[in-house]
């Protein structure tokens, strides 16, 4: 996880928010269309990464 902390905090926040929005949009697409396993997998990856980046935006690297 130390490579995530090497990204500047402002960049982590912006990237995290944009990935979270993309994840939520992909959940709506997943709900309306049959995308199968890959659609759900990519949606989970986007949401998990986005939320993780937003949570760690205030932490400083060592």
PDB file of N, CA and C in Angstrom:
ATOM      1  N   UNK A   1       0.817  -1.188   0.000  1.00  0.00           N
ATOM      2  CA  UNK A   1       0.000   0.000   0.000  1.00  0.00           C
ATOM      3  C   UNK A   1       0.861   1.251   0.000  1.00  0.00           C
ATOM      4  N   UNK A   2       2.141   1.131   0.190  1.00  0.00           N
ATOM      5  CA  UNK A   2       2.989   2.308   0.249  1.00  0.00           C
ATOM      6  C   UNK A   2       3.061   3.029  -1.096  1.00  0.00           C
ATOM      7  N   UNK A   3       2.847   2.294  -2.204  1.00  0.00           N
ATOM      8  CA  UNK A   3       2.868   2.963  -3.497  1.00  0.00           C
ATOM      9  C   UNK A   3       1.659   3.880  -3.669  1.00  0.00           C
ATOM     10  N   UNK A   4       0.556   3.584  -2.988  1.00  0.00           N
ATOM     11  CA  UNK A   4      -0.612   4.471  -3.036  1.00  0.00           C
ATOM     12  C   UNK A   4      -0.309   5.764  -2.287  1.00  0.00           C
ATOM     13  N   UNK A   5       0.424   5.664  -1.183  1.00  0.00           N
ATOM     14  CA  UNK A   5       0.724   6.847  -0.388  1.00  0.00           C
ATOM     15  C   UNK A   5       1.761   7.749  -1.057  1.00  0.00           C
ATOM     16  N   UNK A   6       2.462   7.253  -2.063  1.00  0.00           N
ATOM     17  CA  UNK A   6       3.422   8.094  -2.777  1.00  0.00           C
ATOM     18  C   UNK A   6       2.746   9.047  -3.755  1.00  0.00           C
ATOM     19  N   UNK A   7       1.472   8.798  -4.076  1.00  0.00           N
ATOM     20  CA  UNK A   7       0.699   9.711  -4.922  1.00  0.00           C
ATOM     21  C   UNK A   7       0.331  10.925  -4.071  1.00  0.00           C
ATOM     22  N   UNK A   8       0.464  12.137  -4.593  1.00  0.00           N
ATOM     23  CA  UNK A   8       0.083  13.325  -3.809  1.00  0.00           C
ATOM     24  C   UNK A   8      -1.378  13.266  -3.355  1.00  0.00           C
ATOM     25  N   UNK A   9      -1.669  13.824  -2.190  1.00  0.00           N
ATOM     26  CA  UNK A   9      -2.993  13.659  -1.591  1.00  0.00           C
ATOM     27  C   UNK A   9      -4.104  14.306  -2.415  1.00  0.00           C
ATOM     28  N   UNK A  10      -3.836  15.424  -3.045  1.00  0.00           N
ATOM     29  CA  UNK A  10      -4.864  16.063  -3.870  1.00  0.00           C
ATOM     30  C   UNK A  10      -5.183  15.196  -5.083  1.00  0.00           C
ATOM     31  N   UNK A  11      -4.169  14.583  -5.657  1.00  0.00           N
ATOM     32  CA  UNK A  11      -4.371  13.698  -6.807  1.00  0.00           C
ATOM     33  C   UNK A  11      -5.144  12.450  -6.386  1.00  0.00           C
ATOM     34  N   UNK A  12      -4.835  11.917  -5.185  1.00  0.00           N
ATOM     35  CA  UNK A  12      -5.567  10.753  -4.677  1.00  0.00           C
ATOM     36  C   UNK A  12      -7.036  11.063  -4.494  1.00  0.00           C
ATOM     37  N   UNK A  13      -7.334  12.260  -3.985  1.00  0.00           N
ATOM     38  CA  UNK A  13      -8.732  12.634  -3.762  1.00  0.00           C
ATOM     39  C   UNK A  13      -9.474  12.757  -5.083  1.00  0.00           C
ATOM     40  N   UNK A  14      -8.896  13.434  -6.048  1.00  0.00           N
ATOM     41  CA  UNK A  14      -9.552  13.620  -7.346  1.00  0.00           C
ATOM     42  C   UNK A  14      -9.716  12.283  -8.058  1.00  0.00           C
ATOM     43  N   UNK A  15      -8.665  11.480  -8.069  1.00  0.00           N
ATOM     44  CA  UNK A  15      -8.725  10.169  -8.717  1.00  0.00           C
ATOM     45  C   UNK A  15      -9.715   9.256  -8.007  1.00  0.00           C
ATOM     46  N   UNK A  16      -9.731   9.305  -6.679  1.00  0.00           N
ATOM     47  CA  UNK A  16     -10.664   8.479  -5.917  1.00  0.00           C
ATOM     48  C   UNK A  16     -12.110   8.852  -6.164  1.00  0.00           C
ATOM     49  N   UNK A  17     -12.399  10.145  -6.206  1.00  0.00           N
ATOM     50  CA  UNK A  17     -13.775  10.578  -6.466  1.00  0.00           C
ATOM     51  C   UNK A  17     -14.221  10.206  -7.874  1.00  0.00           C
ATOM     52  N   UNK A  18     -13.331  10.369  -8.850  1.00  0.00           N
ATOM     53  CA  UNK A  18     -13.712  10.030 -10.222  1.00  0.00           C
ATOM     54  C   UNK A  18     -13.900   8.521 -10.389  1.00  0.00           C
ATOM     55  N   UNK A  19     -13.053   7.713  -9.745  1.00  0.00           N
ATOM     56  CA  UNK A  19     -13.230   6.260  -9.831  1.00  0.00           C
ATOM     57  C   UNK A  19     -14.495   5.806  -9.111  1.00  0.00           C
ATOM     58  N   UNK A  20     -14.840   6.468  -8.005  1.00  0.00           N
ATOM     59  CA  UNK A  20     -16.068   6.124  -7.302  1.00  0.00           C
ATOM     60  C   UNK A  20     -17.288   6.458  -8.144  1.00  0.00           C
ATOM     61  N   UNK A  21     -17.277   7.597  -8.812  1.00  0.00           N
ATOM     62  CA  UNK A  21     -18.395   7.960  -9.690  1.00  0.00           C
ATOM     63  C   UNK A  21     -18.499   6.974 -10.853  1.00  0.00           C
ATOM     64  N   UNK A  22     -17.368   6.594 -11.436  1.00  0.00           N
ATOM     65  CA  UNK A  22     -17.396   5.597 -12.511  1.00  0.00           C
ATOM     66  C   UNK A  22     -17.909   4.254 -12.013  1.00  0.00           C
ATOM     67  N   UNK A  23     -17.552   3.887 -10.791  1.00  0.00           N
ATOM     68  CA  UNK A  23     -18.043   2.639 -10.210  1.00  0.00           C
ATOM     69  C   UNK A  23     -19.544   2.656  -9.996  1.00  0.00           C
ATOM     70  N   UNK A  24     -20.069   3.781  -9.525  1.00  0.00           N
ATOM     71  CA  UNK A  24     -21.515   3.898  -9.315  1.00  0.00           C
ATOM     72  C   UNK A  24     -22.245   3.869 -10.646  1.00  0.00           C
ATOM     73  N   UNK A  25     -21.692   4.550 -11.657  1.00  0.00           N
ATOM     74  CA  UNK A  25     -22.303   4.500 -12.988  1.00  0.00           C
ATOM     75  C   UNK A  25     -22.277   3.087 -13.556  1.00  0.00           C
ATOM     76  N   UNK A  26     -21.196   2.369 -13.320  1.00  0.00           N
ATOM     77  CA  UNK A  26     -21.141   0.997 -13.824  1.00  0.00           C
ATOM     78  C   UNK A  26     -22.122   0.095 -13.080  1.00  0.00           C
ATOM     79  N   UNK A  27     -22.423   0.413 -11.815  1.00  0.00           N
ATOM     80  CA  UNK A  27     -23.456  -0.355 -11.109  1.00  0.00           C
ATOM     81  C   UNK A  27     -24.827  -0.132 -11.729  1.00  0.00           C
ATOM     82  N   UNK A  28     -25.118   1.087 -12.161  1.00  0.00           N
ATOM     83  CA  UNK A  28     -26.385   1.344 -12.840  1.00  0.00           C
ATOM     84  C   UNK A  28     -26.449   0.596 -14.168  1.00  0.00           C
ATOM     85  N   UNK A  29     -25.339   0.573 -14.909  1.00  0.00           N
ATOM     86  CA  UNK A  29     -25.297  -0.180 -16.167  1.00  0.00           C
ATOM     87  C   UNK A  29     -25.462  -1.670 -15.880  1.00  0.00           C
ATOM     88  N   UNK A  30     -24.824  -2.139 -14.819  1.00  0.00           N
ATOM     89  CA  UNK A  30     -24.921  -3.546 -14.431  1.00  0.00           C
ATOM     90  C   UNK A  30     -26.352  -3.909 -14.057  1.00  0.00           C
ATOM     91  N   UNK A  31     -27.063  -2.975 -13.443  1.00  0.00           N
ATOM     92  CA  UNK A  31     -28.439  -3.226 -13.036  1.00  0.00           C
ATOM     93  C   UNK A  31     -29.377  -3.283 -14.235  1.00  0.00           C
ATOM     94  N   UNK A  32     -29.120  -2.467 -15.261  1.00  0.00           N
ATOM     95  CA  UNK A  32     -30.026  -2.382 -16.401  1.00  0.00           C
ATOM     96  C   UNK A  32     -29.705  -3.371 -17.519  1.00  0.00           C
ATOM     97  N   UNK A  33     -28.458  -3.802 -17.640  1.00  0.00           N
ATOM     98  CA  UNK A  33     -28.050  -4.698 -18.716  1.00  0.00           C
ATOM     99  C   UNK A  33     -27.394  -5.941 -18.132  1.00  0.00           C
ATOM    100  N   UNK A  34     -27.419  -7.015 -18.890  1.00  0.00           N
ATOM    101  CA  UNK A  34     -26.792  -8.253 -18.443  1.00  0.00           C
ATOM    102  C   UNK A  34     -25.328  -8.240 -18.858  1.00  0.00           C
ATOM    103  N   UNK A  35     -24.455  -7.850 -17.935  1.00  0.00           N
ATOM    104  CA  UNK A  35     -23.037  -7.748 -18.270  1.00  0.00           C
ATOM    105  C   UNK A  35     -22.232  -8.948 -17.790  1.00  0.00           C
ATOM    106  N   UNK A  36     -22.831  -9.790 -16.965  1.00  0.00           N
ATOM    107  CA  UNK A  36     -22.147 -10.990 -16.520  1.00  0.00           C
ATOM    108  C   UNK A  36     -21.124 -10.734 -15.428  1.00  0.00           C
ATOM    109  N   UNK A  37     -20.225 -11.702 -15.281  1.00  0.00           N
ATOM    110  CA  UNK A  37     -19.235 -11.641 -14.204  1.00  0.00           C
ATOM    111  C   UNK A  37     -18.266 -10.482 -14.401  1.00  0.00           C
ATOM    112  N   UNK A  38     -17.815 -10.254 -15.629  1.00  0.00           N
ATOM    113  CA  UNK A  38     -16.801  -9.231 -15.877  1.00  0.00           C
ATOM    114  C   UNK A  38     -17.303  -7.834 -15.524  1.00  0.00           C
ATOM    115  N   UNK A  39     -18.560  -7.543 -15.820  1.00  0.00           N
ATOM    116  CA  UNK A  39     -19.122  -6.241 -15.468  1.00  0.00           C
ATOM    117  C   UNK A  39     -19.163  -6.011 -13.969  1.00  0.00           C
ATOM    118  N   UNK A  40     -19.574  -7.029 -13.225  1.00  0.00           N
ATOM    119  CA  UNK A  40     -19.597  -6.916 -11.777  1.00  0.00           C
ATOM    120  C   UNK A  40     -18.208  -6.823 -11.184  1.00  0.00           C
ATOM    121  N   UNK A  41     -17.274  -7.568 -11.761  1.00  0.00           N
ATOM    122  CA  UNK A  41     -15.899  -7.544 -11.283  1.00  0.00           C
ATOM    123  C   UNK A  41     -15.273  -6.169 -11.479  1.00  0.00           C
ATOM    124  N   UNK A  42     -15.436  -5.609 -12.675  1.00  0.00           N
ATOM    125  CA  UNK A  42     -14.877  -4.283 -12.950  1.00  0.00           C
ATOM    126  C   UNK A  42     -15.544  -3.203 -12.100  1.00  0.00           C
ATOM    127  N   UNK A  43     -16.843  -3.342 -11.875  1.00  0.00           N
ATOM    128  CA  UNK A  43     -17.547  -2.382 -11.032  1.00  0.00           C
ATOM    129  C   UNK A  43     -17.036  -2.431  -9.606  1.00  0.00           C
ATOM    130  N   UNK A  44     -16.795  -3.619  -9.088  1.00  0.00           N
ATOM    131  CA  UNK A  44     -16.256  -3.764  -7.739  1.00  0.00           C
ATOM    132  C   UNK A  44     -14.846  -3.223  -7.616  1.00  0.00           C
ATOM    133  N   UNK A  45     -14.020  -3.479  -8.639  1.00  0.00           N
ATOM    134  CA  UNK A  45     -12.653  -2.954  -8.636  1.00  0.00           C
ATOM    135  C   UNK A  45     -12.668  -1.426  -8.637  1.00  0.00           C
ATOM    136  N   UNK A  46     -13.515  -0.824  -9.468  1.00  0.00           N
ATOM    137  CA  UNK A  46     -13.596   0.637  -9.525  1.00  0.00           C
ATOM    138  C   UNK A  46     -14.044   1.228  -8.191  1.00  0.00           C
ATOM    139  N   UNK A  47     -15.083   0.646  -7.617  1.00  0.00           N
ATOM    140  CA  UNK A  47     -15.582   1.168  -6.341  1.00  0.00           C
ATOM    141  C   UNK A  47     -14.570   0.975  -5.221  1.00  0.00           C
ATOM    142  N   UNK A  48     -13.970  -0.184  -5.149  1.00  0.00           N
ATOM    143  CA  UNK A  48     -12.998  -0.454  -4.093  1.00  0.00           C
ATOM    144  C   UNK A  48     -11.785   0.445  -4.176  1.00  0.00           C
ATOM    145  N   UNK A  49     -11.270   0.623  -5.382  1.00  0.00           N
ATOM    146  CA  UNK A  49     -10.108   1.488  -5.560  1.00  0.00           C
ATOM    147  C   UNK A  49     -10.460   2.946  -5.275  1.00  0.00           C
ATOM    148  N   UNK A  50     -11.611   3.388  -5.766  1.00  0.00           N
ATOM    149  CA  UNK A  50     -12.024   4.773  -5.543  1.00  0.00           C
ATOM    150  C   UNK A  50     -12.229   5.098  -4.082  1.00  0.00           C
ATOM    151  N   UNK A  51     -12.911   4.220  -3.370  1.00  0.00           N
ATOM    152  CA  UNK A  51     -13.149   4.462  -1.941  1.00  0.00           C
ATOM    153  C   UNK A  51     -11.835   4.386  -1.173  1.00  0.00           C
ATOM    154  N   UNK A  52     -10.978   3.455  -1.547  1.00  0.00           N
ATOM    155  CA  UNK A  52      -9.678   3.355  -0.887  1.00  0.00           C
ATOM    156  C   UNK A  52      -8.834   4.592  -1.068  1.00  0.00           C
ATOM    157  N   UNK A  53      -8.854   5.183  -2.265  1.00  0.00           N
ATOM    158  CA  UNK A  53      -8.104   6.401  -2.493  1.00  0.00           C
ATOM    159  C   UNK A  53      -8.674   7.589  -1.749  1.00  0.00           C
ATOM    160  N   UNK A  54      -9.994   7.659  -1.644  1.00  0.00           N
ATOM    161  CA  UNK A  54     -10.612   8.754  -0.899  1.00  0.00           C
ATOM    162  C   UNK A  54     -10.305   8.630   0.584  1.00  0.00           C
ATOM    163  N   UNK A  55     -10.331   7.416   1.114  1.00  0.00           N
ATOM    164  CA  UNK A  55     -10.068   7.221   2.551  1.00  0.00           C
ATOM    165  C   UNK A  55      -8.634   7.590   2.890  1.00  0.00           C
ATOM    166  N   UNK A  56      -7.684   7.275   2.010  1.00  0.00           N
ATOM    167  CA  UNK A  56      -6.289   7.523   2.329  1.00  0.00           C
ATOM    168  C   UNK A  56      -5.804   8.896   1.868  1.00  0.00           C
ATOM    169  N   UNK A  57      -6.691   9.785   1.468  1.00  0.00           N
ATOM    170  CA  UNK A  57      -6.231  11.072   0.934  1.00  0.00           C
ATOM    171  C   UNK A  57      -5.606  11.968   2.002  1.00  0.00           C
ATOM    172  N   UNK A  58      -5.920  11.771   3.276  1.00  0.00           N
ATOM    173  CA  UNK A  58      -5.360  12.606   4.336  1.00  0.00           C
ATOM    174  C   UNK A  58      -4.098  12.037   4.949  1.00  0.00           C
ATOM    175  N   UNK A  59      -3.746  10.782   4.655  1.00  0.00           N
ATOM    176  CA  UNK A  59      -2.565  10.165   5.261  1.00  0.00           C
ATOM    177  C   UNK A  59      -1.308  10.603   4.538  1.00  0.00           C
ATOM    178  N   UNK A  60      -0.246  10.710   5.284  1.00  0.00           N
ATOM    179  CA  UNK A  60       1.057  11.098   4.725  1.00  0.00           C
ATOM    180  C   UNK A  60       1.925   9.875   4.594  1.00  0.00           C
ATOM    181  N   UNK A  61       2.810   9.882   3.580  1.00  0.00           N
ATOM    182  CA  UNK A  61       3.732   8.761   3.422  1.00  0.00           C
ATOM    183  C   UNK A  61       4.905   8.913   4.379  1.00  0.00           C
ATOM    184  N   UNK A  62       5.505   7.804   4.741  1.00  0.00           N
ATOM    185  CA  UNK A  62       6.622   7.823   5.694  1.00  0.00           C
ATOM    186  C   UNK A  62       7.915   8.170   5.024  1.00  0.00           C
TER     187      UNK A  62
END
